[in-house]
């Protein structure tokens, strides 16, 4: 329903650009018969910003950057994309249902997430990484983690969060694994410790902790069921 409102709102914006409109018309609210879905002209303006930023993200994502590796370029571009997606979902009321009553209460309003995406993109467009020195998978972020060194390489085991989301809401069926020789440049390996069909960790794995003992490496973690 809200997608229909979005299309109607775009027509209204085009119409208003050709006529003198009143302040009341500029704040017009469209609603369905039940009054449960609404969208304002302000919402449509935010959706227009999202669309504009997505086009800019395509351009910036194709730039050749001397000071930013391709992996870091993809990392930051992915995070920008997730911020725009989450803002759009909040405007249109299409956020996935959470497991808890507080699932989405702590997130910025759409304008804040769009603004953060714009700030990141402004820096990235100059050939610099706004998240320089911060490891994440493309479009993701690192939550609970363990760090251990073996044979001159650092191994990072971590919860695989998705940027601009509440990480417990997603099926974290394994841990991320990244390797670095200098704690600055990272290579993302295949995920580890997949959840099983039966047992105490059928749904998610949390909070990894790795130790070395008797030439073996042991991982302690929280296993979660439904």
N, C-alpha and C. Protein backbone atom coordinates (compact mmCIF):
# COMPACT_ATOMS: atom_id res chain seq x y z
N UNK A 1 0.82 -1.20 0.00
CA UNK A 1 0.00 0.00 0.00
C UNK A 1 0.86 1.26 0.00
N UNK A 2 1.92 1.27 0.84
CA UNK A 2 2.75 2.46 0.90
C UNK A 2 3.52 2.69 -0.39
N UNK A 3 3.82 1.64 -1.14
CA UNK A 3 4.48 1.83 -2.41
C UNK A 3 3.56 2.57 -3.38
N UNK A 4 2.25 2.27 -3.28
CA UNK A 4 1.28 2.99 -4.09
C UNK A 4 1.26 4.46 -3.68
N UNK A 5 1.30 4.71 -2.37
CA UNK A 5 1.35 6.08 -1.88
C UNK A 5 2.58 6.80 -2.41
N UNK A 6 3.69 6.08 -2.47
CA UNK A 6 4.94 6.67 -2.96
C UNK A 6 4.76 7.17 -4.39
N UNK A 7 4.14 6.34 -5.24
CA UNK A 7 3.92 6.73 -6.63
C UNK A 7 2.99 7.93 -6.72
N UNK A 8 1.92 7.91 -5.90
CA UNK A 8 0.99 9.04 -5.89
C UNK A 8 1.70 10.30 -5.43
N UNK A 9 2.55 10.16 -4.41
CA UNK A 9 3.27 11.31 -3.89
C UNK A 9 4.19 11.92 -4.92
N UNK A 10 4.85 11.09 -5.74
CA UNK A 10 5.73 11.61 -6.78
C UNK A 10 4.93 12.41 -7.80
N UNK A 11 3.72 11.94 -8.11
CA UNK A 11 2.84 12.69 -9.02
C UNK A 11 2.49 14.04 -8.42
N UNK A 12 2.22 14.04 -7.10
CA UNK A 12 1.88 15.30 -6.43
C UNK A 12 3.03 16.27 -6.47
N UNK A 13 4.26 15.77 -6.30
CA UNK A 13 5.43 16.65 -6.34
C UNK A 13 5.58 17.26 -7.74
N UNK A 14 5.40 16.45 -8.76
CA UNK A 14 5.50 16.96 -10.13
C UNK A 14 4.42 18.01 -10.37
N UNK A 15 3.20 17.72 -9.89
CA UNK A 15 2.10 18.66 -10.06
C UNK A 15 2.37 19.97 -9.33
N UNK A 16 2.89 19.86 -8.10
CA UNK A 16 3.12 21.06 -7.30
C UNK A 16 4.21 21.93 -7.89
N UNK A 17 5.11 21.34 -8.67
CA UNK A 17 6.17 22.14 -9.27
C UNK A 17 5.66 23.02 -10.39
N UNK A 18 4.46 22.73 -10.88
CA UNK A 18 3.87 23.48 -11.98
C UNK A 18 2.83 24.49 -11.51
N UNK A 19 2.50 24.49 -10.23
CA UNK A 19 1.44 25.35 -9.71
C UNK A 19 1.90 26.00 -8.42
N UNK A 20 1.21 27.06 -8.03
CA UNK A 20 1.42 27.62 -6.72
C UNK A 20 0.65 26.79 -5.71
N UNK A 21 1.35 26.24 -4.71
CA UNK A 21 0.69 25.40 -3.74
C UNK A 21 0.76 26.06 -2.38
N UNK A 22 -0.17 25.72 -1.52
CA UNK A 22 -0.22 26.31 -0.19
C UNK A 22 0.61 25.48 0.76
N UNK A 23 0.91 26.04 1.93
CA UNK A 23 1.65 25.32 2.96
C UNK A 23 0.89 24.09 3.39
N UNK A 24 -0.43 24.17 3.43
CA UNK A 24 -1.23 23.01 3.82
C UNK A 24 -1.05 21.88 2.82
N UNK A 25 -1.02 22.20 1.54
CA UNK A 25 -0.86 21.16 0.53
C UNK A 25 0.52 20.52 0.61
N UNK A 26 1.52 21.30 0.97
CA UNK A 26 2.87 20.76 1.06
C UNK A 26 3.00 19.72 2.16
N UNK A 27 2.16 19.79 3.18
CA UNK A 27 2.23 18.83 4.28
C UNK A 27 1.12 17.79 4.19
N UNK A 28 0.57 17.63 2.98
CA UNK A 28 -0.53 16.69 2.77
C UNK A 28 -0.15 15.29 3.21
N UNK A 29 -1.05 14.59 3.88
CA UNK A 29 -0.83 13.21 4.30
C UNK A 29 -1.77 12.31 3.51
N UNK A 30 -1.21 11.29 2.85
CA UNK A 30 -2.01 10.29 2.16
C UNK A 30 -2.19 9.11 3.09
N UNK A 31 -3.37 8.56 3.15
CA UNK A 31 -3.63 7.44 4.05
C UNK A 31 -4.61 6.47 3.40
N UNK A 32 -4.56 5.21 3.83
CA UNK A 32 -5.50 4.24 3.29
C UNK A 32 -6.83 4.35 4.04
N UNK A 33 -7.80 3.54 3.63
CA UNK A 33 -9.14 3.62 4.21
C UNK A 33 -9.15 3.32 5.70
N UNK A 34 -8.26 2.45 6.13
CA UNK A 34 -8.20 2.08 7.55
C UNK A 34 -7.37 3.06 8.38
N UNK A 35 -6.68 3.96 7.71
CA UNK A 35 -5.85 4.91 8.44
C UNK A 35 -4.60 4.29 9.04
N UNK A 36 -4.25 3.08 8.60
CA UNK A 36 -3.09 2.39 9.19
C UNK A 36 -1.79 2.69 8.44
N UNK A 37 -1.89 2.97 7.14
CA UNK A 37 -0.71 3.29 6.34
C UNK A 37 -0.79 4.74 5.89
N UNK A 38 0.23 5.51 6.21
CA UNK A 38 0.26 6.90 5.79
C UNK A 38 1.62 7.24 5.22
N UNK A 39 1.65 8.23 4.36
CA UNK A 39 2.90 8.75 3.84
C UNK A 39 2.74 10.24 3.61
N UNK A 40 3.72 10.99 3.99
CA UNK A 40 3.65 12.44 3.88
C UNK A 40 4.52 12.94 2.74
N UNK A 41 4.33 14.20 2.38
CA UNK A 41 5.19 14.81 1.38
C UNK A 41 6.65 14.80 1.85
N UNK A 42 6.84 14.96 3.15
CA UNK A 42 8.20 14.89 3.71
C UNK A 42 8.80 13.51 3.49
N UNK A 43 7.96 12.45 3.64
CA UNK A 43 8.44 11.10 3.38
C UNK A 43 8.88 10.95 1.93
N UNK A 44 8.08 11.50 1.02
CA UNK A 44 8.41 11.40 -0.40
C UNK A 44 9.74 12.12 -0.69
N UNK A 45 9.96 13.25 -0.02
CA UNK A 45 11.22 13.97 -0.21
C UNK A 45 12.40 13.12 0.26
N UNK A 46 12.23 12.38 1.38
CA UNK A 46 13.29 11.49 1.86
C UNK A 46 13.53 10.35 0.88
N UNK A 47 12.46 9.80 0.32
CA UNK A 47 12.60 8.73 -0.66
C UNK A 47 13.34 9.22 -1.90
N UNK A 48 13.10 10.48 -2.26
CA UNK A 48 13.82 11.06 -3.39
C UNK A 48 15.30 11.18 -3.07
N UNK A 49 15.64 11.57 -1.83
CA UNK A 49 17.06 11.62 -1.42
C UNK A 49 17.70 10.25 -1.49
N UNK A 50 16.96 9.22 -1.06
CA UNK A 50 17.48 7.86 -1.10
C UNK A 50 17.79 7.46 -2.54
N UNK A 51 16.86 7.74 -3.46
CA UNK A 51 17.06 7.39 -4.87
C UNK A 51 18.27 8.14 -5.45
N UNK A 52 18.41 9.41 -5.11
CA UNK A 52 19.54 10.21 -5.59
C UNK A 52 20.86 9.65 -5.07
N UNK A 53 20.87 9.28 -3.79
CA UNK A 53 22.09 8.74 -3.19
C UNK A 53 22.44 7.37 -3.75
N UNK A 54 21.44 6.57 -4.10
CA UNK A 54 21.74 5.27 -4.70
C UNK A 54 22.42 5.45 -6.05
N UNK A 55 21.97 6.43 -6.84
CA UNK A 55 22.63 6.71 -8.12
C UNK A 55 24.07 7.17 -7.90
N UNK A 56 24.28 8.03 -6.88
CA UNK A 56 25.62 8.50 -6.57
C UNK A 56 26.50 7.36 -6.09
N UNK A 57 25.91 6.41 -5.35
CA UNK A 57 26.67 5.27 -4.84
C UNK A 57 27.19 4.40 -5.98
N UNK A 58 26.38 4.25 -7.03
CA UNK A 58 26.82 3.49 -8.20
C UNK A 58 28.05 4.16 -8.82
N UNK A 59 27.99 5.49 -8.93
CA UNK A 59 29.12 6.23 -9.52
C UNK A 59 30.37 6.11 -8.66
N UNK A 60 30.23 6.35 -7.37
CA UNK A 60 31.37 6.31 -6.47
C UNK A 60 31.94 4.90 -6.38
N UNK A 61 31.06 3.90 -6.43
CA UNK A 61 31.52 2.52 -6.34
C UNK A 61 32.37 2.08 -7.51
N UNK A 62 32.32 2.85 -8.61
CA UNK A 62 33.09 2.49 -9.81
C UNK A 62 34.38 3.30 -9.93
N UNK A 63 34.61 4.23 -9.01
CA UNK A 63 35.81 5.05 -9.08
C UNK A 63 37.06 4.23 -8.81
N UNK A 64 38.13 4.56 -9.47
CA UNK A 64 39.44 3.96 -9.19
C UNK A 64 40.12 4.79 -8.12
N UNK A 65 40.44 4.18 -6.99
CA UNK A 65 40.99 4.91 -5.85
C UNK A 65 42.39 4.42 -5.53
N UNK A 66 43.33 5.35 -5.44
CA UNK A 66 44.71 4.99 -5.17
C UNK A 66 44.93 4.67 -3.70
N UNK A 67 44.23 5.39 -2.80
CA UNK A 67 44.49 5.25 -1.37
C UNK A 67 43.52 4.30 -0.67
N UNK A 68 42.53 3.79 -1.38
CA UNK A 68 41.54 2.88 -0.79
C UNK A 68 41.56 1.57 -1.57
N UNK A 69 41.77 0.47 -0.89
CA UNK A 69 41.75 -0.82 -1.57
C UNK A 69 40.35 -1.14 -2.06
N UNK A 70 40.26 -2.02 -3.03
CA UNK A 70 38.95 -2.39 -3.57
C UNK A 70 38.09 -3.03 -2.48
N UNK A 71 38.73 -3.82 -1.61
CA UNK A 71 37.98 -4.47 -0.52
C UNK A 71 37.37 -3.42 0.41
N UNK A 72 38.16 -2.38 0.77
CA UNK A 72 37.63 -1.35 1.65
C UNK A 72 36.60 -0.47 0.94
N UNK A 73 36.78 -0.28 -0.34
CA UNK A 73 35.79 0.47 -1.12
C UNK A 73 34.45 -0.26 -1.11
N UNK A 74 34.50 -1.58 -1.31
CA UNK A 74 33.28 -2.38 -1.28
C UNK A 74 32.68 -2.41 0.13
N UNK A 75 33.55 -2.48 1.15
CA UNK A 75 33.08 -2.48 2.54
C UNK A 75 32.23 -1.25 2.83
N UNK A 76 32.79 -0.08 2.55
CA UNK A 76 32.11 1.16 2.88
C UNK A 76 30.90 1.39 1.98
N UNK A 77 31.02 1.08 0.70
CA UNK A 77 29.88 1.23 -0.21
C UNK A 77 28.73 0.33 0.23
N UNK A 78 29.06 -0.85 0.71
CA UNK A 78 28.02 -1.77 1.18
C UNK A 78 27.31 -1.23 2.41
N UNK A 79 28.06 -0.60 3.32
CA UNK A 79 27.47 -0.03 4.52
C UNK A 79 26.56 1.14 4.16
N UNK A 80 27.01 1.96 3.21
CA UNK A 80 26.16 3.07 2.75
C UNK A 80 24.85 2.53 2.17
N UNK A 81 24.96 1.48 1.36
CA UNK A 81 23.76 0.89 0.78
C UNK A 81 22.80 0.35 1.82
N UNK A 82 23.33 -0.27 2.87
CA UNK A 82 22.47 -0.80 3.93
C UNK A 82 21.77 0.32 4.69
N UNK A 83 22.48 1.43 4.93
CA UNK A 83 21.85 2.57 5.60
C UNK A 83 20.68 3.10 4.79
N UNK A 84 20.86 3.21 3.47
CA UNK A 84 19.78 3.70 2.61
C UNK A 84 18.62 2.72 2.58
N UNK A 85 18.93 1.43 2.52
CA UNK A 85 17.87 0.41 2.52
C UNK A 85 17.05 0.46 3.80
N UNK A 86 17.75 0.60 4.95
CA UNK A 86 17.05 0.60 6.23
C UNK A 86 16.18 1.84 6.38
N UNK A 87 16.67 2.99 5.91
CA UNK A 87 15.87 4.21 5.95
C UNK A 87 14.61 4.05 5.11
N UNK A 88 14.75 3.47 3.93
CA UNK A 88 13.60 3.27 3.05
C UNK A 88 12.58 2.32 3.70
N UNK A 89 13.08 1.24 4.30
CA UNK A 89 12.17 0.29 4.95
C UNK A 89 11.40 0.95 6.09
N UNK A 90 12.07 1.84 6.82
CA UNK A 90 11.39 2.49 7.93
C UNK A 90 10.32 3.45 7.43
N UNK A 91 10.60 4.16 6.34
CA UNK A 91 9.61 5.08 5.77
C UNK A 91 8.39 4.31 5.26
N UNK A 92 8.64 3.22 4.55
CA UNK A 92 7.55 2.46 3.93
C UNK A 92 6.90 1.46 4.87
N UNK A 93 7.41 1.34 6.10
CA UNK A 93 6.82 0.40 7.05
C UNK A 93 7.06 -1.04 6.70
N UNK A 94 8.21 -1.35 6.07
CA UNK A 94 8.48 -2.72 5.64
C UNK A 94 9.66 -3.34 6.39
N UNK A 95 9.99 -2.80 7.56
CA UNK A 95 11.03 -3.42 8.37
C UNK A 95 10.63 -4.86 8.71
N UNK A 96 11.55 -5.81 8.64
CA UNK A 96 11.20 -7.19 8.99
C UNK A 96 10.80 -7.27 10.45
N UNK A 97 9.85 -8.12 10.78
CA UNK A 97 9.42 -8.23 12.18
C UNK A 97 10.55 -8.70 13.07
N UNK A 98 10.66 -8.11 14.25
CA UNK A 98 11.71 -8.49 15.18
C UNK A 98 11.22 -9.51 16.18
N UNK A 99 12.18 -10.13 16.87
CA UNK A 99 11.82 -11.13 17.88
C UNK A 99 11.45 -10.47 19.21
N UNK A 100 11.83 -9.21 19.38
CA UNK A 100 11.60 -8.54 20.66
C UNK A 100 10.83 -7.25 20.45
N UNK A 101 10.14 -6.79 21.47
CA UNK A 101 9.34 -5.57 21.35
C UNK A 101 10.21 -4.34 21.11
N UNK A 102 11.49 -4.43 21.50
CA UNK A 102 12.39 -3.29 21.35
C UNK A 102 13.25 -3.37 20.09
N UNK A 103 12.92 -4.28 19.21
CA UNK A 103 13.81 -4.62 18.10
C UNK A 103 14.27 -3.40 17.29
N UNK A 104 13.38 -2.50 16.97
CA UNK A 104 13.74 -1.38 16.10
C UNK A 104 13.68 -0.03 16.81
N UNK A 105 13.49 -0.03 18.12
CA UNK A 105 13.27 1.23 18.83
C UNK A 105 14.53 2.08 18.93
N UNK A 106 15.70 1.46 18.83
CA UNK A 106 16.93 2.20 19.03
C UNK A 106 17.55 2.78 17.78
N UNK A 107 16.89 2.63 16.63
CA UNK A 107 17.49 3.07 15.39
C UNK A 107 17.20 4.54 15.12
N UNK A 108 18.10 5.18 14.38
CA UNK A 108 17.89 6.56 13.96
C UNK A 108 16.61 6.66 13.13
N UNK A 109 16.08 7.87 13.08
CA UNK A 109 15.02 8.14 12.13
C UNK A 109 15.61 8.12 10.72
N UNK A 110 14.77 7.94 9.68
CA UNK A 110 15.29 7.84 8.32
C UNK A 110 16.21 8.98 7.93
N UNK A 111 15.87 10.21 8.33
CA UNK A 111 16.69 11.36 7.98
C UNK A 111 18.11 11.20 8.54
N UNK A 112 18.24 10.64 9.74
CA UNK A 112 19.55 10.44 10.34
C UNK A 112 20.36 9.40 9.61
N UNK A 113 19.72 8.29 9.21
CA UNK A 113 20.45 7.25 8.49
C UNK A 113 20.86 7.72 7.11
N UNK A 114 19.98 8.48 6.44
CA UNK A 114 20.32 9.02 5.13
C UNK A 114 21.48 10.01 5.27
N UNK A 115 21.43 10.84 6.30
CA UNK A 115 22.51 11.80 6.53
C UNK A 115 23.84 11.12 6.78
N UNK A 116 23.84 10.02 7.54
CA UNK A 116 25.08 9.29 7.79
C UNK A 116 25.63 8.70 6.49
N UNK A 117 24.73 8.14 5.67
CA UNK A 117 25.14 7.59 4.38
C UNK A 117 25.76 8.68 3.51
N UNK A 118 25.15 9.86 3.52
CA UNK A 118 25.66 10.97 2.71
C UNK A 118 27.04 11.43 3.20
N UNK A 119 27.25 11.45 4.51
CA UNK A 119 28.55 11.84 5.06
C UNK A 119 29.63 10.84 4.65
N UNK A 120 29.32 9.54 4.76
CA UNK A 120 30.29 8.52 4.35
C UNK A 120 30.62 8.65 2.87
N UNK A 121 29.57 8.87 2.04
CA UNK A 121 29.78 8.92 0.60
C UNK A 121 30.56 10.15 0.18
N UNK A 122 30.35 11.26 0.87
CA UNK A 122 31.08 12.48 0.56
C UNK A 122 32.58 12.26 0.73
N UNK A 123 32.97 11.56 1.79
CA UNK A 123 34.38 11.27 2.02
C UNK A 123 34.89 10.26 1.00
N UNK A 124 34.13 9.19 0.76
CA UNK A 124 34.56 8.14 -0.17
C UNK A 124 34.74 8.71 -1.57
N UNK A 125 33.91 9.67 -1.96
CA UNK A 125 33.99 10.26 -3.30
C UNK A 125 35.29 11.02 -3.51
N UNK A 126 35.97 11.41 -2.41
CA UNK A 126 37.25 12.11 -2.53
C UNK A 126 38.43 11.14 -2.58
N UNK A 127 38.14 9.84 -2.58
CA UNK A 127 39.21 8.85 -2.64
C UNK A 127 39.76 8.46 -1.30
N UNK A 128 39.02 8.78 -0.22
CA UNK A 128 39.43 8.38 1.13
C UNK A 128 38.36 7.47 1.73
N UNK A 129 38.76 6.63 2.67
CA UNK A 129 37.82 5.71 3.31
C UNK A 129 37.38 6.30 4.65
N UNK A 130 36.09 6.64 4.80
CA UNK A 130 35.62 7.19 6.07
C UNK A 130 35.68 6.19 7.21
N UNK A 131 35.85 4.91 6.88
CA UNK A 131 35.94 3.86 7.89
C UNK A 131 37.33 3.24 7.87
N UNK A 132 38.33 4.05 7.57
CA UNK A 132 39.70 3.56 7.48
C UNK A 132 40.13 2.93 8.80
N UNK A 133 40.73 1.75 8.73
CA UNK A 133 41.22 1.07 9.92
C UNK A 133 40.17 0.27 10.65
N UNK A 134 38.96 0.29 10.16
CA UNK A 134 37.86 -0.45 10.81
C UNK A 134 37.47 -1.63 9.92
N UNK A 135 37.58 -2.84 10.47
CA UNK A 135 37.26 -4.02 9.66
C UNK A 135 35.76 -4.31 9.66
N UNK A 136 35.25 -4.69 8.52
CA UNK A 136 33.89 -5.21 8.39
C UNK A 136 33.79 -5.93 7.06
N UNK A 137 32.89 -6.89 6.97
CA UNK A 137 32.55 -7.45 5.67
C UNK A 137 31.80 -6.39 4.87
N UNK A 138 31.78 -6.49 3.55
CA UNK A 138 31.02 -5.51 2.76
C UNK A 138 29.56 -5.42 3.23
N UNK A 139 29.15 -4.21 3.61
CA UNK A 139 27.78 -4.03 4.08
C UNK A 139 27.53 -4.54 5.48
N UNK A 140 28.58 -4.91 6.20
CA UNK A 140 28.39 -5.49 7.53
C UNK A 140 29.10 -4.72 8.61
N UNK A 141 29.09 -5.28 9.80
CA UNK A 141 29.90 -4.76 10.88
C UNK A 141 30.20 -5.88 11.86
N UNK A 142 31.26 -5.70 12.64
CA UNK A 142 31.75 -6.74 13.53
C UNK A 142 31.20 -6.51 14.93
N UNK A 143 30.57 -7.54 15.49
CA UNK A 143 30.02 -7.43 16.84
C UNK A 143 30.96 -8.20 17.79
N UNK A 144 30.46 -9.05 18.67
CA UNK A 144 31.31 -9.81 19.59
C UNK A 144 32.37 -10.57 18.81
N UNK A 145 33.62 -10.57 19.32
CA UNK A 145 34.70 -11.16 18.54
C UNK A 145 35.82 -11.68 19.44
N UNK A 146 36.66 -12.50 18.84
CA UNK A 146 37.87 -13.00 19.49
C UNK A 146 39.03 -12.77 18.54
N UNK A 147 40.21 -12.47 19.10
CA UNK A 147 41.39 -12.20 18.30
C UNK A 147 42.55 -13.04 18.84
N UNK A 148 43.19 -13.79 17.95
CA UNK A 148 44.29 -14.65 18.39
C UNK A 148 45.35 -14.72 17.30
N UNK A 149 46.62 -14.86 17.69
CA UNK A 149 47.73 -14.87 16.74
C UNK A 149 48.30 -16.26 16.59
N UNK A 150 48.56 -16.65 15.33
CA UNK A 150 49.16 -17.95 15.05
C UNK A 150 50.07 -17.80 13.83
N UNK A 151 51.35 -18.20 13.99
CA UNK A 151 52.31 -18.16 12.88
C UNK A 151 52.36 -16.77 12.22
N UNK A 152 52.49 -15.73 13.02
CA UNK A 152 52.62 -14.35 12.54
C UNK A 152 51.37 -13.81 11.85
N UNK A 153 50.27 -14.49 11.98
CA UNK A 153 49.02 -13.99 11.42
C UNK A 153 47.98 -13.82 12.54
N UNK A 154 47.24 -12.74 12.47
CA UNK A 154 46.13 -12.51 13.40
C UNK A 154 44.85 -13.08 12.81
N UNK A 155 44.11 -13.81 13.63
CA UNK A 155 42.83 -14.39 13.22
C UNK A 155 41.72 -13.74 14.04
N UNK A 156 40.75 -13.19 13.34
CA UNK A 156 39.59 -12.55 13.97
C UNK A 156 38.36 -13.43 13.74
N UNK A 157 37.72 -13.87 14.84
CA UNK A 157 36.48 -14.64 14.77
C UNK A 157 35.38 -13.76 15.36
N UNK A 158 34.27 -13.58 14.65
CA UNK A 158 33.33 -12.54 15.05
C UNK A 158 31.89 -12.85 14.65
N UNK A 159 30.96 -12.21 15.35
CA UNK A 159 29.55 -12.21 14.95
C UNK A 159 29.41 -11.36 13.70
N UNK A 160 28.71 -11.87 12.71
CA UNK A 160 28.59 -11.21 11.42
C UNK A 160 27.35 -10.31 11.39
N UNK A 161 27.50 -9.10 11.90
CA UNK A 161 26.39 -8.15 11.89
C UNK A 161 26.13 -7.59 10.50
N UNK A 162 24.94 -7.07 10.28
CA UNK A 162 24.58 -6.40 9.04
C UNK A 162 24.42 -4.92 9.36
N UNK A 163 25.09 -4.05 8.62
CA UNK A 163 25.09 -2.62 8.91
C UNK A 163 23.66 -2.09 9.01
N UNK A 164 23.46 -1.20 9.98
CA UNK A 164 22.18 -0.51 10.19
C UNK A 164 21.05 -1.47 10.57
N UNK A 165 21.40 -2.59 11.17
CA UNK A 165 20.37 -3.52 11.62
C UNK A 165 20.64 -3.91 13.07
N UNK A 166 19.64 -4.53 13.67
CA UNK A 166 19.78 -5.08 15.01
C UNK A 166 20.25 -6.51 14.85
N UNK A 167 21.48 -6.80 15.19
CA UNK A 167 22.06 -8.09 14.82
C UNK A 167 21.32 -9.32 15.35
N UNK A 168 20.66 -9.31 16.53
CA UNK A 168 19.99 -10.54 16.95
C UNK A 168 18.80 -10.92 16.07
N UNK A 169 18.33 -9.99 15.22
CA UNK A 169 17.16 -10.28 14.40
C UNK A 169 17.50 -11.16 13.21
N UNK A 170 18.76 -11.35 12.92
CA UNK A 170 19.13 -12.07 11.71
C UNK A 170 19.70 -13.45 12.03
N UNK A 171 19.51 -14.41 11.12
CA UNK A 171 19.95 -15.80 11.37
C UNK A 171 21.47 -15.92 11.31
N UNK A 172 22.10 -15.66 12.44
CA UNK A 172 23.56 -15.71 12.51
C UNK A 172 23.99 -17.16 12.67
N UNK A 173 24.00 -17.84 11.54
CA UNK A 173 24.20 -19.28 11.58
C UNK A 173 25.66 -19.69 11.61
N UNK A 174 26.59 -18.72 11.62
CA UNK A 174 28.00 -19.05 11.70
C UNK A 174 28.77 -17.81 12.13
N UNK A 175 30.07 -17.99 12.40
CA UNK A 175 30.95 -16.87 12.73
C UNK A 175 31.75 -16.44 11.50
N UNK A 176 32.06 -15.15 11.44
CA UNK A 176 32.96 -14.68 10.42
C UNK A 176 34.40 -14.97 10.82
N UNK A 177 35.29 -15.02 9.82
CA UNK A 177 36.71 -15.30 10.06
C UNK A 177 37.53 -14.42 9.11
N UNK A 178 38.38 -13.58 9.67
CA UNK A 178 39.26 -12.73 8.86
C UNK A 178 40.70 -12.88 9.35
N UNK A 179 41.66 -12.67 8.43
CA UNK A 179 43.08 -12.86 8.74
C UNK A 179 43.87 -11.62 8.33
N UNK A 180 44.85 -11.24 9.18
CA UNK A 180 45.68 -10.08 8.89
C UNK A 180 47.09 -10.29 9.44
N UNK A 181 48.05 -9.68 8.76
CA UNK A 181 49.43 -9.71 9.27
C UNK A 181 49.79 -8.44 10.01
N UNK A 182 48.95 -7.39 9.87
CA UNK A 182 49.30 -6.09 10.46
C UNK A 182 48.15 -5.43 11.21
N UNK A 183 47.01 -6.10 11.34
CA UNK A 183 45.83 -5.57 12.03
C UNK A 183 45.23 -4.36 11.31
N UNK A 184 45.65 -4.13 10.08
CA UNK A 184 45.10 -3.02 9.28
C UNK A 184 44.45 -3.56 8.01
N UNK A 185 45.20 -4.37 7.28
CA UNK A 185 44.69 -4.97 6.04
C UNK A 185 44.22 -6.39 6.33
N UNK A 186 42.95 -6.64 6.00
CA UNK A 186 42.32 -7.91 6.36
C UNK A 186 41.85 -8.67 5.13
N UNK A 187 41.94 -9.99 5.21
CA UNK A 187 41.37 -10.86 4.18
C UNK A 187 40.24 -11.66 4.81
N UNK A 188 39.07 -11.59 4.23
CA UNK A 188 37.90 -12.30 4.78
C UNK A 188 37.92 -13.75 4.31
N UNK A 189 37.96 -14.67 5.26
CA UNK A 189 37.95 -16.10 4.95
C UNK A 189 36.51 -16.62 4.94
N UNK A 190 36.36 -17.91 4.69
CA UNK A 190 35.03 -18.52 4.75
C UNK A 190 34.54 -18.53 6.19
N UNK A 191 33.22 -18.42 6.41
CA UNK A 191 32.68 -18.48 7.78
C UNK A 191 32.98 -19.83 8.42
N UNK A 192 32.91 -19.85 9.75
CA UNK A 192 33.24 -21.08 10.50
C UNK A 192 32.12 -21.39 11.49
N UNK A 193 32.12 -22.64 11.98
CA UNK A 193 31.22 -23.13 13.02
C UNK A 193 29.74 -22.94 12.66
N UNK A 194 29.33 -23.62 11.62
CA UNK A 194 27.93 -23.56 11.18
C UNK A 194 27.01 -24.19 12.22
N UNK A 195 25.83 -23.60 12.41
CA UNK A 195 24.87 -24.18 13.34
C UNK A 195 24.41 -25.54 12.84
N UNK A 196 23.88 -26.34 13.75
CA UNK A 196 23.49 -27.73 13.43
C UNK A 196 21.98 -27.87 13.48
N UNK A 197 21.47 -28.99 12.98
CA UNK A 197 20.02 -29.21 12.94
C UNK A 197 19.46 -29.58 14.31
N UNK A 198 20.26 -30.23 15.12
CA UNK A 198 19.81 -30.64 16.45
C UNK A 198 20.85 -30.21 17.49
N UNK A 199 20.36 -29.81 18.67
CA UNK A 199 21.29 -29.45 19.72
C UNK A 199 20.99 -28.09 20.31
N UNK A 200 21.99 -27.51 20.97
CA UNK A 200 21.79 -26.27 21.69
C UNK A 200 22.05 -25.03 20.83
N UNK A 201 22.56 -25.20 19.61
CA UNK A 201 22.88 -24.05 18.76
C UNK A 201 22.24 -24.19 17.38
N UNK A 202 20.95 -24.47 17.37
CA UNK A 202 20.24 -24.66 16.11
C UNK A 202 19.89 -23.35 15.42
N UNK A 203 19.91 -22.22 16.17
CA UNK A 203 19.43 -20.95 15.62
C UNK A 203 20.56 -19.95 15.36
N UNK A 204 21.38 -19.69 16.38
CA UNK A 204 22.45 -18.71 16.24
C UNK A 204 23.65 -19.09 17.08
N UNK A 205 24.80 -18.49 16.74
CA UNK A 205 26.00 -18.61 17.57
C UNK A 205 26.47 -17.20 17.93
N UNK A 206 26.80 -17.01 19.21
CA UNK A 206 27.17 -15.69 19.73
C UNK A 206 28.50 -15.77 20.48
N UNK A 207 29.11 -14.60 20.66
CA UNK A 207 30.17 -14.34 21.64
C UNK A 207 31.31 -15.36 21.60
N UNK A 208 32.08 -15.43 20.52
CA UNK A 208 33.18 -16.39 20.45
C UNK A 208 34.36 -15.97 21.33
N UNK A 209 35.02 -16.95 21.93
CA UNK A 209 36.23 -16.71 22.72
C UNK A 209 37.19 -17.85 22.44
N UNK A 210 38.38 -17.53 21.94
CA UNK A 210 39.35 -18.55 21.51
C UNK A 210 40.57 -18.52 22.43
N UNK A 211 41.02 -19.71 22.84
CA UNK A 211 42.25 -19.82 23.63
C UNK A 211 43.13 -20.92 23.04
N UNK A 212 44.42 -20.84 23.33
CA UNK A 212 45.36 -21.89 22.95
C UNK A 212 45.73 -22.69 24.18
N UNK A 213 45.68 -24.02 24.07
CA UNK A 213 46.03 -24.89 25.19
C UNK A 213 46.57 -26.20 24.65
N UNK A 214 47.79 -26.56 25.07
CA UNK A 214 48.43 -27.81 24.62
C UNK A 214 48.48 -27.91 23.10
N UNK A 215 48.90 -26.81 22.46
CA UNK A 215 49.06 -26.76 21.01
C UNK A 215 47.76 -26.95 20.24
N UNK A 216 46.66 -26.75 20.91
CA UNK A 216 45.36 -26.79 20.24
C UNK A 216 44.63 -25.47 20.51
N UNK A 217 43.71 -25.15 19.62
CA UNK A 217 42.91 -23.93 19.78
C UNK A 217 41.46 -24.32 20.10
N UNK A 218 40.95 -23.75 21.16
CA UNK A 218 39.61 -24.07 21.64
C UNK A 218 38.74 -22.82 21.56
N UNK A 219 37.51 -23.00 21.11
CA UNK A 219 36.59 -21.87 21.03
C UNK A 219 35.41 -22.12 21.98
N UNK A 220 35.13 -21.14 22.79
CA UNK A 220 33.94 -21.14 23.65
C UNK A 220 32.96 -20.12 23.09
N UNK A 221 31.68 -20.47 23.03
CA UNK A 221 30.71 -19.56 22.46
C UNK A 221 29.33 -19.84 23.03
N UNK A 222 28.42 -18.93 22.78
CA UNK A 222 27.02 -19.11 23.19
C UNK A 222 26.23 -19.71 22.04
N UNK A 223 25.58 -20.82 22.28
CA UNK A 223 24.70 -21.41 21.30
C UNK A 223 23.25 -21.04 21.60
N UNK A 224 22.48 -20.70 20.57
CA UNK A 224 21.12 -20.19 20.75
C UNK A 224 20.13 -21.06 19.96
N UNK A 225 19.02 -21.41 20.61
CA UNK A 225 17.93 -22.09 19.93
C UNK A 225 16.82 -21.08 19.63
N UNK A 226 15.78 -21.55 18.96
CA UNK A 226 14.65 -20.65 18.69
C UNK A 226 14.02 -20.14 19.96
